[in-house]
C-alpha atoms as a PDB file:
ATOM      1  CA  UNK A   1      13.844  -8.015  15.811  1.00  0.00           C
ATOM      2  CA  UNK A   2      16.011  -6.786  13.317  1.00  0.00           C
ATOM      3  CA  UNK A   3      16.786  -7.811   9.759  1.00  0.00           C
ATOM      4  CA  UNK A   4      19.103  -5.377   7.907  1.00  0.00           C
ATOM      5  CA  UNK A   5      19.346  -1.607   7.346  1.00  0.00           C
ATOM      6  CA  UNK A   6      17.588  -0.581   4.063  1.00  0.00           C
ATOM      7  CA  UNK A   7      20.099   0.253   1.629  1.00  0.00           C
ATOM      8  CA  UNK A   8      19.976   4.005  -0.050  1.00  0.00           C
ATOM      9  CA  UNK A   9      17.873   3.614  -3.412  1.00  0.00           C
ATOM     10  CA  UNK A  10      15.843   5.650  -5.356  1.00  0.00           C
ATOM     11  CA  UNK A  11      12.660   4.389  -7.191  1.00  0.00           C
ATOM     12  CA  UNK A  12      14.747   3.457 -10.441  1.00  0.00           C
ATOM     13  CA  UNK A  13      17.185   1.254  -8.784  1.00  0.00           C
ATOM     14  CA  UNK A  14      14.115  -0.958  -7.228  1.00  0.00           C
ATOM     15  CA  UNK A  15      12.768  -0.801 -10.970  1.00  0.00           C
ATOM     16  CA  UNK A  16      16.072  -2.158 -12.022  1.00  0.00           C
ATOM     17  CA  UNK A  17      16.498  -4.875  -9.579  1.00  0.00           C
ATOM     18  CA  UNK A  18      12.736  -5.984 -10.310  1.00  0.00           C
ATOM     19  CA  UNK A  19      13.316  -5.997 -13.771  1.00  0.00           C
ATOM     20  CA  UNK A  20      16.766  -8.224 -13.436  1.00  0.00           C
ATOM     21  CA  UNK A  21      14.723 -10.623 -11.382  1.00  0.00           C
ATOM     22  CA  UNK A  22      12.015 -10.696 -14.097  1.00  0.00           C
ATOM     23  CA  UNK A  23      14.525 -11.422 -16.756  1.00  0.00           C
ATOM     24  CA  UNK A  24      16.692 -13.615 -14.852  1.00  0.00           C
ATOM     25  CA  UNK A  25      14.595 -15.219 -12.449  1.00  0.00           C
ATOM     26  CA  UNK A  26      17.589 -15.319 -10.102  1.00  0.00           C
ATOM     27  CA  UNK A  27      16.190 -15.387  -6.248  1.00  0.00           C
ATOM     28  CA  UNK A  28      19.367 -13.424  -5.005  1.00  0.00           C
ATOM     29  CA  UNK A  29      18.391 -10.354  -6.966  1.00  0.00           C
ATOM     30  CA  UNK A  30      14.979 -10.508  -5.498  1.00  0.00           C
ATOM     31  CA  UNK A  31      16.453 -11.237  -2.145  1.00  0.00           C
ATOM     32  CA  UNK A  32      18.511  -8.005  -2.289  1.00  0.00           C
ATOM     33  CA  UNK A  33      15.471  -6.179  -3.468  1.00  0.00           C
ATOM     34  CA  UNK A  34      13.309  -7.343  -0.468  1.00  0.00           C
ATOM     35  CA  UNK A  35      16.217  -6.795   2.226  1.00  0.00           C
ATOM     36  CA  UNK A  36      15.688  -3.104   1.587  1.00  0.00           C
ATOM     37  CA  UNK A  37      12.119  -3.327   2.870  1.00  0.00           C
ATOM     38  CA  UNK A  38      12.469  -6.322   5.452  1.00  0.00           C
ATOM     39  CA  UNK A  39      12.090  -4.027   8.586  1.00  0.00           C
ATOM     40  CA  UNK A  40       9.490  -2.134   7.169  1.00  0.00           C
ATOM     41  CA  UNK A  41       7.484  -5.186   6.345  1.00  0.00           C
ATOM     42  CA  UNK A  42       8.327  -7.034   9.815  1.00  0.00           C
ATOM     43  CA  UNK A  43       6.867  -3.754  11.294  1.00  0.00           C
ATOM     44  CA  UNK A  44       3.822  -4.047   9.361  1.00  0.00           C
ATOM     45  CA  UNK A  45       3.573  -7.848  10.364  1.00  0.00           C
ATOM     46  CA  UNK A  46       4.275  -7.040  13.815  1.00  0.00           C
ATOM     47  CA  UNK A  47       1.358  -4.235  14.178  1.00  0.00           C
ATOM     48  CA  UNK A  48      -1.062  -6.788  13.049  1.00  0.00           C
ATOM     49  CA  UNK A  49      -0.004  -9.889  14.400  1.00  0.00           C
ATOM     50  CA  UNK A  50       1.254  -8.592  17.347  1.00  0.00           C
ATOM     51  CA  UNK A  51       3.762 -11.385  17.834  1.00  0.00           C
ATOM     52  CA  UNK A  52       7.292 -11.221  17.026  1.00  0.00           C
ATOM     53  CA  UNK A  53       7.866 -14.833  16.214  1.00  0.00           C
ATOM     54  CA  UNK A  54       4.447 -14.583  14.011  1.00  0.00           C
ATOM     55  CA  UNK A  55       5.495 -11.358  12.311  1.00  0.00           C
ATOM     56  CA  UNK A  56       9.279 -12.930  11.746  1.00  0.00           C
ATOM     57  CA  UNK A  57       7.394 -16.153   9.897  1.00  0.00           C
ATOM     58  CA  UNK A  58       5.290 -13.784   7.937  1.00  0.00           C
ATOM     59  CA  UNK A  59       8.171 -11.779   6.547  1.00  0.00           C
ATOM     60  CA  UNK A  60       9.662 -15.124   5.467  1.00  0.00           C
ATOM     61  CA  UNK A  61       6.165 -16.155   4.090  1.00  0.00           C
ATOM     62  CA  UNK A  62       5.862 -12.804   2.478  1.00  0.00           C
ATOM     63  CA  UNK A  63       8.966 -13.377   0.364  1.00  0.00           C
ATOM     64  CA  UNK A  64       7.801 -16.664  -0.921  1.00  0.00           C
ATOM     65  CA  UNK A  65       4.952 -15.388  -1.912  1.00  0.00           C
ATOM     66  CA  UNK A  66       6.746 -12.240  -3.771  1.00  0.00           C
ATOM     67  CA  UNK A  67       8.870 -14.688  -5.571  1.00  0.00           C
ATOM     68  CA  UNK A  68       5.557 -15.745  -7.875  1.00  0.00           C
ATOM     69  CA  UNK A  69       3.857 -12.250  -7.573  1.00  0.00           C
ATOM     70  CA  UNK A  70       6.356 -10.104  -8.576  1.00  0.00           C
ATOM     71  CA  UNK A  71       6.574 -12.272 -11.989  1.00  0.00           C
ATOM     72  CA  UNK A  72       3.105 -11.992 -12.174  1.00  0.00           C
ATOM     73  CA  UNK A  73       2.039  -8.389 -11.616  1.00  0.00           C
ATOM     74  CA  UNK A  74       2.888  -4.845 -13.202  1.00  0.00           C
ATOM     75  CA  UNK A  75       4.630  -3.258 -10.480  1.00  0.00           C
ATOM     76  CA  UNK A  76       4.698   0.531 -11.040  1.00  0.00           C
ATOM     77  CA  UNK A  77       6.220   1.764  -7.631  1.00  0.00           C
ATOM     78  CA  UNK A  78       7.898  -1.776  -5.697  1.00  0.00           C
ATOM     79  CA  UNK A  79       7.476  -0.139  -2.050  1.00  0.00           C
ATOM     80  CA  UNK A  80       3.979   0.757  -1.811  1.00  0.00           C
ATOM     81  CA  UNK A  81       2.927  -2.437  -3.644  1.00  0.00           C
ATOM     82  CA  UNK A  82       4.999  -4.566  -1.159  1.00  0.00           C
ATOM     83  CA  UNK A  83       3.352  -2.836   1.795  1.00  0.00           C
ATOM     84  CA  UNK A  84      -0.141  -3.744   0.135  1.00  0.00           C
ATOM     85  CA  UNK A  85       0.724  -7.445  -0.449  1.00  0.00           C
ATOM     86  CA  UNK A  86       2.486  -7.903   3.300  1.00  0.00           C
ATOM     87  CA  UNK A  87      -0.802  -6.309   4.633  1.00  0.00           C
ATOM     88  CA  UNK A  88      -3.134  -8.508   2.773  1.00  0.00           C
ATOM     89  CA  UNK A  89      -0.713 -11.345   3.671  1.00  0.00           C
ATOM     90  CA  UNK A  90      -1.160 -10.633   7.582  1.00  0.00           C
ATOM     91  CA  UNK A  91      -5.227  -9.943   7.124  1.00  0.00           C
ATOM     92  CA  UNK A  92      -5.359 -13.583   5.611  1.00  0.00           C
ATOM     93  CA  UNK A  93      -3.174 -14.856   8.665  1.00  0.00           C
ATOM     94  CA  UNK A  94      -5.817 -13.190  11.135  1.00  0.00           C
ATOM     95  CA  UNK A  95      -8.590 -14.086   9.386  1.00  0.00           C
ATOM     96  CA  UNK A  96      -7.557 -17.527   9.173  1.00  0.00           C
ATOM     97  CA  UNK A  97      -7.037 -17.739  12.879  1.00  0.00           C
ATOM     98  CA  UNK A  98     -10.436 -16.171  13.456  1.00  0.00           C
ATOM     99  CA  UNK A  99      -8.841 -12.883  15.039  1.00  0.00           C
ATOM    100  CA  UNK A 100     -10.165 -10.700  12.475  1.00  0.00           C
ATOM    101  CA  UNK A 101     -14.160  -9.995  12.299  1.00  0.00           C
ATOM    102  CA  UNK A 102     -16.029  -7.095  10.577  1.00  0.00           C
ATOM    103  CA  UNK A 103     -16.437  -3.969  12.396  1.00  0.00           C
ATOM    104  CA  UNK A 104     -18.937  -1.193  11.739  1.00  0.00           C
ATOM    105  CA  UNK A 105     -17.678   1.944   9.994  1.00  0.00           C
ATOM    106  CA  UNK A 106     -18.115   5.467  11.540  1.00  0.00           C
ATOM    107  CA  UNK A 107     -18.139   7.840   8.568  1.00  0.00           C
ATOM    108  CA  UNK A 108     -17.527  10.488  10.962  1.00  0.00           C
ATOM    109  CA  UNK A 109     -13.998   9.311  12.052  1.00  0.00           C
ATOM    110  CA  UNK A 110     -12.909   9.744   8.335  1.00  0.00           C
ATOM    111  CA  UNK A 111     -13.040  12.812   6.987  1.00  0.00           C
ATOM    112  CA  UNK A 112     -10.204  13.384   4.840  1.00  0.00           C
ATOM    113  CA  UNK A 113      -7.739  11.092   2.981  1.00  0.00           C
ATOM    114  CA  UNK A 114      -5.332  12.036   5.700  1.00  0.00           C
ATOM    115  CA  UNK A 115      -4.335   8.827   7.712  1.00  0.00           C
ATOM    116  CA  UNK A 116      -4.072  10.774  10.899  1.00  0.00           C
ATOM    117  CA  UNK A 117      -7.615  10.912  10.925  1.00  0.00           C
ATOM    118  CA  UNK A 118      -7.953   7.372  11.728  1.00  0.00           C
ATOM    119  CA  UNK A 119      -8.497   7.498  15.132  1.00  0.00           C
ATOM    120  CA  UNK A 120      -5.351   6.665  17.503  1.00  0.00           C
ATOM    121  CA  UNK A 121      -7.321   4.336  19.800  1.00  0.00           C
ATOM    122  CA  UNK A 122      -8.900   2.015  17.420  1.00  0.00           C
ATOM    123  CA  UNK A 123      -7.434  -1.167  16.820  1.00  0.00           C
ATOM    124  CA  UNK A 124      -6.374  -2.761  13.604  1.00  0.00           C
ATOM    125  CA  UNK A 125      -9.298  -4.345  12.670  1.00  0.00           C
ATOM    126  CA  UNK A 126     -11.185  -1.092  12.789  1.00  0.00           C
ATOM    127  CA  UNK A 127      -8.636   0.699  10.554  1.00  0.00           C
ATOM    128  CA  UNK A 128      -8.942  -1.990   8.322  1.00  0.00           C
ATOM    129  CA  UNK A 129     -12.449  -1.903   7.963  1.00  0.00           C
ATOM    130  CA  UNK A 130     -12.274   2.004   7.204  1.00  0.00           C
ATOM    131  CA  UNK A 131      -9.503   1.530   4.857  1.00  0.00           C
ATOM    132  CA  UNK A 132     -11.317  -1.320   3.026  1.00  0.00           C
ATOM    133  CA  UNK A 133     -14.234   1.642   2.887  1.00  0.00           C
ATOM    134  CA  UNK A 134     -12.017   3.976   1.463  1.00  0.00           C
ATOM    135  CA  UNK A 135     -11.002   1.354  -1.229  1.00  0.00           C
ATOM    136  CA  UNK A 136     -14.178   0.798  -2.421  1.00  0.00           C
ATOM    137  CA  UNK A 137     -14.766   4.512  -2.485  1.00  0.00           C
ATOM    138  CA  UNK A 138     -11.895   5.331  -4.476  1.00  0.00           C
ATOM    139  CA  UNK A 139     -12.715   2.241  -6.892  1.00  0.00           C
ATOM    140  CA  UNK A 140     -16.304   4.119  -7.921  1.00  0.00           C
ATOM    141  CA  UNK A 141     -14.328   7.600  -8.719  1.00  0.00           C
ATOM    142  CA  UNK A 142     -14.505   8.423 -12.382  1.00  0.00           C
ATOM    143  CA  UNK A 143     -11.404   6.981 -14.102  1.00  0.00           C
ATOM    144  CA  UNK A 144      -9.414  10.536 -14.569  1.00  0.00           C
ATOM    145  CA  UNK A 145     -10.051  10.936 -10.619  1.00  0.00           C
ATOM    146  CA  UNK A 146      -9.166   8.087  -9.418  1.00  0.00           C
ATOM    147  CA  UNK A 147      -5.821   7.870 -11.287  1.00  0.00           C
ATOM    148  CA  UNK A 148      -4.973  11.047 -10.442  1.00  0.00           C
ATOM    149  CA  UNK A 149      -5.928  10.535  -6.681  1.00  0.00           C
ATOM    150  CA  UNK A 150      -3.805   7.326  -6.675  1.00  0.00           C
ATOM    151  CA  UNK A 151      -0.548   8.903  -8.014  1.00  0.00           C
ATOM    152  CA  UNK A 152      -1.106  11.822  -5.600  1.00  0.00           C
ATOM    153  CA  UNK A 153      -1.672   9.990  -2.415  1.00  0.00           C
ATOM    154  CA  UNK A 154      -0.462   6.358  -2.964  1.00  0.00           C
ATOM    155  CA  UNK A 155       2.853   7.165  -4.618  1.00  0.00           C
ATOM    156  CA  UNK A 156       3.070  10.725  -3.542  1.00  0.00           C
ATOM    157  CA  UNK A 157       3.653  12.345  -6.888  1.00  0.00           C
ATOM    158  CA  UNK A 158       3.465  16.260  -7.070  1.00  0.00           C
ATOM    159  CA  UNK A 159       0.596  17.729  -9.153  1.00  0.00           C
ATOM    160  CA  UNK A 160       3.595  18.857 -11.594  1.00  0.00           C
ATOM    161  CA  UNK A 161       5.010  15.371 -11.848  1.00  0.00           C
ATOM    162  CA  UNK A 162       1.600  13.900 -12.593  1.00  0.00           C
ATOM    163  CA  UNK A 163       0.783  16.481 -15.250  1.00  0.00           C
ATOM    164  CA  UNK A 164       3.844  15.843 -16.982  1.00  0.00           C
ATOM    165  CA  UNK A 165       3.430  11.858 -16.914  1.00  0.00           C
ATOM    166  CA  UNK A 166      -0.072  11.714 -17.605  1.00  0.00           C
ATOM    167  CA  UNK A 167       0.302  14.591 -20.349  1.00  0.00           C
ATOM    168  CA  UNK A 168      -2.514  16.820 -18.805  1.00  0.00           C
ATOM    169  CA  UNK A 169      -2.026  20.531 -17.822  1.00  0.00           C
ATOM    170  CA  UNK A 170      -1.473  21.194 -14.209  1.00  0.00           C
ATOM    171  CA  UNK A 171      -5.374  22.674 -14.000  1.00  0.00           C
ATOM    172  CA  UNK A 172      -6.726  19.554 -14.553  1.00  0.00           C
ATOM    173  CA  UNK A 173      -4.730  17.644 -12.474  1.00  0.00           C
ATOM    174  CA  UNK A 174      -5.635  20.142  -9.881  1.00  0.00           C
ATOM    175  CA  UNK A 175      -9.204  19.753 -10.513  1.00  0.00           C
ATOM    176  CA  UNK A 176      -9.205  16.132 -10.678  1.00  0.00           C
ATOM    177  CA  UNK A 177      -8.045  15.530  -7.463  1.00  0.00           C
ATOM    178  CA  UNK A 178      -9.981  18.074  -5.459  1.00  0.00           C
ATOM    179  CA  UNK A 179     -12.971  16.948  -6.848  1.00  0.00           C
ATOM    180  CA  UNK A 180     -11.712  13.384  -6.296  1.00  0.00           C
ATOM    181  CA  UNK A 181     -11.221  14.228  -2.558  1.00  0.00           C
ATOM    182  CA  UNK A 182     -14.653  15.820  -2.372  1.00  0.00           C
ATOM    183  CA  UNK A 183     -16.471  12.637  -3.900  1.00  0.00           C
ATOM    184  CA  UNK A 184     -14.489  10.373  -1.619  1.00  0.00           C
ATOM    185  CA  UNK A 185     -15.329  12.445   1.377  1.00  0.00           C
ATOM    186  CA  UNK A 186     -19.185  12.368   0.116  1.00  0.00           C
ATOM    187  CA  UNK A 187     -18.946   8.802  -0.521  1.00  0.00           C
ATOM    188  CA  UNK A 188     -17.342   7.896   3.018  1.00  0.00           C
ATOM    189  CA  UNK A 189     -19.900  10.139   4.950  1.00  0.00           C
ATOM    190  CA  UNK A 190     -22.738   8.360   2.954  1.00  0.00           C
END
């Protein structure tokens, strides 16, 4: 199923539309923003739900959830935030249907932060269990490490951009990320 081609836009444009929606509460504005990512949301839903009709329904349900959540949450980067919202919605649907069960975590599978190290043949539930473990480990990091790790890995910012944005020297950013990565690896292996 195909919705629309994403429009070319930068993070500022997403932020502008989001701010316009928050100010005017105009669903058409939010719809334009969401339309950019509908194919991505659909692909994610299809990956988890493994059914085209259910995935299409989920895309529309996620928009309905987005209408409220976009007003309630501070959203720095819309695309990664929407990804998490969509993933959580799909997991909730799987839990409700009884198709998602807890899986045991094999620490040997996850030895770095790179998604390539999630085994290719593992199913969505196993990957979800691994990601939950990783999220829990991230929460245990010291504040500076956690913040820099999130900016670097989740928002894809460079060391230099993080240093400028957070008013830190480049060496401190590098240290926080390297130490945070080491601490995450230790946490995942424990």
